[in-house]
C-alpha atoms as a PDB file:
ATOM      1  CA  MET A   1      -0.031  -0.002  -0.148  1.00  0.00           C
ATOM      2  CA  ASN A   2       1.778   3.078  -1.213  1.00  0.00           C
ATOM      3  CA  VAL A   3      -0.211   6.053  -0.448  1.00  0.00           C
ATOM      4  CA  SER A   4       1.259   9.532  -1.145  1.00  0.00           C
ATOM      5  CA  PRO A   5       1.018  11.869   1.986  1.00  0.00           C
ATOM      6  CA  LYS A   6       0.600  14.909  -0.704  1.00  0.00           C
ATOM      7  CA  ALA A   7      -2.668  13.279  -1.952  1.00  0.00           C
ATOM      8  CA  PHE A   8      -4.015  14.264   1.718  1.00  0.00           C
ATOM      9  CA  SER A   9      -4.209  18.076   1.488  1.00  0.00           C
ATOM     10  CA  ARG A  10      -5.063  19.221   5.016  1.00  0.00           C
ATOM     11  CA  ARG A  11      -2.453  20.268   7.679  1.00  0.00           C
ATOM     12  CA  ILE A  12      -1.496  17.773   9.975  1.00  0.00           C
ATOM     13  CA  TYR A  13       1.262  17.056  12.670  1.00  0.00           C
ATOM     14  CA  HIS A  14       4.005  15.463  10.857  1.00  0.00           C
ATOM     15  CA  ARG A  15       6.204  14.885  13.743  1.00  0.00           C
ATOM     16  CA  PRO A  16       5.539  14.505  17.436  1.00  0.00           C
ATOM     17  CA  ARG A  17       7.749  17.435  18.297  1.00  0.00           C
ATOM     18  CA  ASP A  18       5.487  19.709  16.169  1.00  0.00           C
ATOM     19  CA  LEU A  19       2.543  18.876  18.491  1.00  0.00           C
ATOM     20  CA  TRP A  20       4.780  19.212  21.450  1.00  0.00           C
ATOM     21  CA  ALA A  21       5.708  22.731  20.468  1.00  0.00           C
ATOM     22  CA  ASP A  22       2.145  23.957  20.329  1.00  0.00           C
ATOM     23  CA  ILE A  23       1.321  22.179  23.545  1.00  0.00           C
ATOM     24  CA  ARG A  24       4.426  23.639  25.286  1.00  0.00           C
ATOM     25  CA  ASP A  25       3.202  27.093  24.124  1.00  0.00           C
ATOM     26  CA  ILE A  26       0.021  26.818  26.205  1.00  0.00           C
ATOM     27  CA  LEU A  27       1.480  24.637  29.185  1.00  0.00           C
ATOM     28  CA  GLY A  28       1.380  26.744  32.381  1.00  0.00           C
ATOM     29  CA  ARG A  29      -1.571  29.028  31.009  1.00  0.00           C
ATOM     30  CA  SER A  30      -4.349  27.032  32.719  1.00  0.00           C
ATOM     31  CA  GLY A  31      -5.768  30.280  34.307  1.00  0.00           C
ATOM     32  CA  ASP A  32      -5.484  31.993  30.955  1.00  0.00           C
ATOM     33  CA  MET A  33      -7.282  29.008  29.195  1.00  0.00           C
ATOM     34  CA  ARG A  34     -10.140  29.158  31.849  1.00  0.00           C
ATOM     35  CA  ALA A  35     -10.507  32.712  31.515  1.00  0.00           C
ATOM     36  CA  LEU A  36     -10.589  32.402  27.732  1.00  0.00           C
ATOM     37  CA  MET A  37     -13.182  29.655  27.745  1.00  0.00           C
ATOM     38  CA  ARG A  38     -15.407  31.390  30.304  1.00  0.00           C
ATOM     39  CA  GLY A  39     -15.378  34.392  28.011  1.00  0.00           C
ATOM     40  CA  GLU A  40     -13.573  36.713  30.584  1.00  0.00           C
ATOM     41  CA  THR A  41     -10.763  37.778  28.212  1.00  0.00           C
ATOM     42  CA  LEU A  42     -12.569  37.495  24.901  1.00  0.00           C
ATOM     43  CA  ALA A  43     -16.257  37.353  24.416  1.00  0.00           C
ATOM     44  CA  SER A  44     -17.522  33.968  23.618  1.00  0.00           C
ATOM     45  CA  ASP A  45     -18.981  34.877  20.202  1.00  0.00           C
ATOM     46  CA  PHE A  46     -15.587  36.882  19.299  1.00  0.00           C
ATOM     47  CA  ARG A  47     -13.685  33.555  20.450  1.00  0.00           C
ATOM     48  CA  GLU A  48     -15.940  31.423  18.110  1.00  0.00           C
ATOM     49  CA  ARG A  49     -15.368  33.789  15.184  1.00  0.00           C
ATOM     50  CA  LEU A  50     -11.614  33.415  15.702  1.00  0.00           C
ATOM     51  CA  MET A  51     -11.741  29.561  16.060  1.00  0.00           C
ATOM     52  CA  LEU A  52     -14.112  29.286  12.829  1.00  0.00           C
ATOM     53  CA  ALA A  53     -11.587  31.486  10.901  1.00  0.00           C
ATOM     54  CA  VAL A  54      -8.702  29.288  11.708  1.00  0.00           C
ATOM     55  CA  THR A  55     -10.705  26.180  11.134  1.00  0.00           C
ATOM     56  CA  GLU A  56     -11.707  27.213   7.725  1.00  0.00           C
ATOM     57  CA  VAL A  57      -7.935  27.453   6.877  1.00  0.00           C
ATOM     58  CA  ASN A  58      -7.027  23.966   8.318  1.00  0.00           C
ATOM     59  CA  ALA A  59     -10.413  22.282   7.064  1.00  0.00           C
ATOM     60  CA  CYS A  60     -10.831  20.074  10.312  1.00  0.00           C
ATOM     61  CA  ARG A  61     -14.159  18.626  10.013  1.00  0.00           C
ATOM     62  CA  TYR A  62     -14.446  17.918  13.516  1.00  0.00           C
ATOM     63  CA  CYS A  63     -13.787  21.449  14.704  1.00  0.00           C
ATOM     64  CA  ALA A  64     -15.877  22.893  12.119  1.00  0.00           C
ATOM     65  CA  TYR A  65     -18.916  20.952  13.457  1.00  0.00           C
ATOM     66  CA  TYR A  66     -18.204  21.589  17.153  1.00  0.00           C
ATOM     67  CA  HIS A  67     -17.325  25.341  16.627  1.00  0.00           C
ATOM     68  CA  ALA A  68     -20.433  25.894  14.299  1.00  0.00           C
ATOM     69  CA  ARG A  69     -22.570  24.691  17.224  1.00  0.00           C
ATOM     70  CA  GLN A  70     -20.712  26.842  19.726  1.00  0.00           C
ATOM     71  CA  ALA A  71     -21.078  29.900  17.481  1.00  0.00           C
ATOM     72  CA  LEU A  72     -24.752  29.418  17.258  1.00  0.00           C
ATOM     73  CA  ALA A  73     -24.897  28.895  20.938  1.00  0.00           C
ATOM     74  CA  ALA A  74     -23.135  32.126  21.545  1.00  0.00           C
ATOM     75  CA  GLY A  75     -25.657  33.902  19.316  1.00  0.00           C
ATOM     76  CA  LEU A  76     -24.063  34.232  16.008  1.00  0.00           C
ATOM     77  CA  PRO A  77     -26.671  34.426  13.071  1.00  0.00           C
ATOM     78  CA  ARG A  78     -26.798  31.417  10.846  1.00  0.00           C
ATOM     79  CA  SER A  79     -25.973  33.808   7.769  1.00  0.00           C
ATOM     80  CA  GLU A  80     -22.679  34.946   9.613  1.00  0.00           C
ATOM     81  CA  LEU A  81     -21.902  31.441  10.423  1.00  0.00           C
ATOM     82  CA  GLU A  82     -22.054  30.160   6.782  1.00  0.00           C
ATOM     83  CA  ALA A  83     -20.063  33.129   5.792  1.00  0.00           C
ATOM     84  CA  LEU A  84     -17.363  32.353   8.277  1.00  0.00           C
ATOM     85  CA  THR A  85     -17.076  28.851   7.074  1.00  0.00           C
ATOM     86  CA  GLU A  86     -16.275  30.140   3.688  1.00  0.00           C
ATOM     87  CA  GLY A  87     -13.779  32.713   4.871  1.00  0.00           C
ATOM     88  CA  ASP A  88     -16.082  35.565   4.460  1.00  0.00           C
ATOM     89  CA  PHE A  89     -15.764  38.174   7.280  1.00  0.00           C
ATOM     90  CA  GLY A  90     -18.053  40.679   5.677  1.00  0.00           C
ATOM     91  CA  SER A  91     -21.038  40.091   7.964  1.00  0.00           C
ATOM     92  CA  SER A  92     -18.750  39.876  11.314  1.00  0.00           C
ATOM     93  CA  PRO A  93     -18.595  42.901  13.517  1.00  0.00           C
ATOM     94  CA  ALA A  94     -16.446  45.577  11.774  1.00  0.00           C
ATOM     95  CA  HIS A  95     -14.130  46.055  15.033  1.00  0.00           C
ATOM     96  CA  GLU A  96     -13.366  42.390  14.941  1.00  0.00           C
ATOM     97  CA  ARG A  97     -12.509  41.989  11.268  1.00  0.00           C
ATOM     98  CA  PRO A  98      -8.740  42.704  11.670  1.00  0.00           C
ATOM     99  CA  ALA A  99      -8.615  40.083  14.283  1.00  0.00           C
ATOM    100  CA  LEU A 100     -10.398  37.639  11.923  1.00  0.00           C
ATOM    101  CA  LEU A 101      -7.992  38.495   9.156  1.00  0.00           C
ATOM    102  CA  TYR A 102      -5.093  37.951  11.490  1.00  0.00           C
ATOM    103  CA  ALA A 103      -6.421  34.653  12.564  1.00  0.00           C
ATOM    104  CA  GLN A 104      -6.652  33.551   8.832  1.00  0.00           C
ATOM    105  CA  HIS A 105      -3.219  34.870   8.250  1.00  0.00           C
ATOM    106  CA  TRP A 106      -2.041  33.196  11.342  1.00  0.00           C
ATOM    107  CA  ALA A 107      -3.321  29.844  10.286  1.00  0.00           C
ATOM    108  CA  GLU A 108      -2.117  30.277   6.646  1.00  0.00           C
ATOM    109  CA  ALA A 109       1.423  30.922   8.052  1.00  0.00           C
ATOM    110  CA  ASP A 110       1.178  27.739  10.061  1.00  0.00           C
ATOM    111  CA  GLY A 111       1.259  29.622  13.498  1.00  0.00           C
ATOM    112  CA  LEU A 112       4.100  31.910  12.546  1.00  0.00           C
ATOM    113  CA  PRO A 113       2.532  35.168  11.507  1.00  0.00           C
ATOM    114  CA  ASP A 114       4.353  38.136  10.186  1.00  0.00           C
ATOM    115  CA  PRO A 115       5.540  40.243  13.093  1.00  0.00           C
ATOM    116  CA  ALA A 116       4.090  43.395  11.676  1.00  0.00           C
ATOM    117  CA  ALA A 117       0.662  41.645  11.478  1.00  0.00           C
ATOM    118  CA  ARG A 118       0.996  40.721  15.153  1.00  0.00           C
ATOM    119  CA  ASP A 119       2.215  44.307  16.106  1.00  0.00           C
ATOM    120  CA  HIS A 120      -0.910  45.520  14.210  1.00  0.00           C
ATOM    121  CA  ILE A 121      -3.144  43.421  16.426  1.00  0.00           C
ATOM    122  CA  VAL A 122      -1.525  44.654  19.700  1.00  0.00           C
ATOM    123  CA  ALA A 123      -2.001  48.234  18.517  1.00  0.00           C
ATOM    124  CA  LEU A 124      -5.558  47.649  17.914  1.00  0.00           C
ATOM    125  CA  PHE A 125      -6.568  45.518  20.714  1.00  0.00           C
ATOM    126  CA  GLY A 126      -3.928  45.992  23.261  1.00  0.00           C
ATOM    127  CA  SER A 127      -1.427  43.497  24.476  1.00  0.00           C
ATOM    128  CA  GLU A 128      -3.653  41.469  26.881  1.00  0.00           C
ATOM    129  CA  THR A 129      -6.354  40.856  24.312  1.00  0.00           C
ATOM    130  CA  ALA A 130      -3.738  39.990  21.758  1.00  0.00           C
ATOM    131  CA  LEU A 131      -2.345  37.362  24.066  1.00  0.00           C
ATOM    132  CA  ALA A 132      -5.709  35.872  24.452  1.00  0.00           C
ATOM    133  CA  ILE A 133      -6.251  36.017  20.577  1.00  0.00           C
ATOM    134  CA  ASP A 134      -3.042  34.199  20.128  1.00  0.00           C
ATOM    135  CA  LEU A 135      -4.153  31.597  22.858  1.00  0.00           C
ATOM    136  CA  ALA A 136      -7.453  30.980  21.256  1.00  0.00           C
ATOM    137  CA  LEU A 137      -5.579  30.551  17.736  1.00  0.00           C
ATOM    138  CA  ARG A 138      -2.980  28.085  19.280  1.00  0.00           C
ATOM    139  CA  VAL A 139      -5.691  26.142  21.086  1.00  0.00           C
ATOM    140  CA  ILE A 140      -7.785  25.723  17.787  1.00  0.00           C
ATOM    141  CA  ARG A 141      -4.637  24.860  15.743  1.00  0.00           C
ATOM    142  CA  ILE A 142      -3.923  22.048  18.072  1.00  0.00           C
ATOM    143  CA  GLY A 143      -7.619  20.780  17.744  1.00  0.00           C
ATOM    144  CA  ASN A 144      -7.525  21.290  13.957  1.00  0.00           C
ATOM    145  CA  LEU A 145      -4.194  19.431  13.406  1.00  0.00           C
ATOM    146  CA  LEU A 146      -5.088  16.582  15.747  1.00  0.00           C
ATOM    147  CA  GLY A 147      -8.227  15.982  13.988  1.00  0.00           C
ATOM    148  CA  ASN A 148      -6.705  16.355  10.700  1.00  0.00           C
ATOM    149  CA  THR A 149      -4.082  13.834  11.766  1.00  0.00           C
ATOM    150  CA  PHE A 150      -6.710  11.298  12.907  1.00  0.00           C
ATOM    151  CA  ASP A 151      -8.211  11.623   9.412  1.00  0.00           C
ATOM    152  CA  TYR A 152      -4.797  11.338   7.893  1.00  0.00           C
ATOM    153  CA  VAL A 153      -4.514   8.092   9.795  1.00  0.00           C
ATOM    154  CA  LEU A 154      -7.927   6.829   8.268  1.00  0.00           C
ATOM    155  CA  TYR A 155      -6.827   7.766   4.865  1.00  0.00           C
ATOM    156  CA  ARG A 156      -3.543   5.864   5.089  1.00  0.00           C
ATOM    157  CA  LEU A 157      -5.381   2.673   6.459  1.00  0.00           C
ATOM    158  CA  SER A 158      -8.005   2.877   3.555  1.00  0.00           C
ATOM    159  CA  GLY A 159      -5.064   2.898   1.104  1.00  0.00           C
ATOM    160  CA  GLY A 160      -5.929   6.468  -0.037  1.00  0.00           C
ATOM    161  CA  ARG A 161      -9.542   5.682  -0.746  1.00  0.00           C
ATOM    162  CA  TRP A 162     -11.053   7.295   2.231  1.00  0.00           C
ATOM    163  CA  GLY A 163     -12.060  11.066   1.755  1.00  0.00           C
ATOM    164  CA  HIS A 164      -9.700  13.812   2.020  1.00  0.00           C
END
C-alpha cells in the first residue's frame, strides 16, 4: 500500500515535536485558558469567530462541526456562520475583522504570523487581548491538526480511498 501524503491536502502534525511545540506554548497557562473559555478575556462570540477563521483554513471537519454549534449557541446568526465557514468576514462585526484576518493569516502561516501583523493586532486590541487572541488561535490549531492527523491515519489505512 503506497499512499502519497501529498494527496491528503489538510495540515497535519507530521512529527510529535510539532505537536509538543504547540502544547508547550500553552502549558502553564491554565488560568488564561479558563478565562478564555469562560468568556472573560474574549467574548464567546468573538472567540468562536476566531476559531472558525482558523478552522476554515485548516479544514478540520470535527472542529468545524463543534465550533459551528458553539457559535450558534454564542448568538451568531446562521448567515454569519455560513459566511465564516467560507472565509468571508464581511458580516462579522467591523471592529473584529482585523483580528479575523489576522487569525486567517496566522493559520495560513502555520502559526508563525508576520511580526508586523502581530504588532498591528497589539496596537488595535492591546497586549492583553492580543495574548488572548493568540491563545485561542493556538488552541484551535492543536484541535484542527489533531483532527486532521486522525483523518490522515484513516486515509492511510484505507489505502488513500477514504475522503480527503
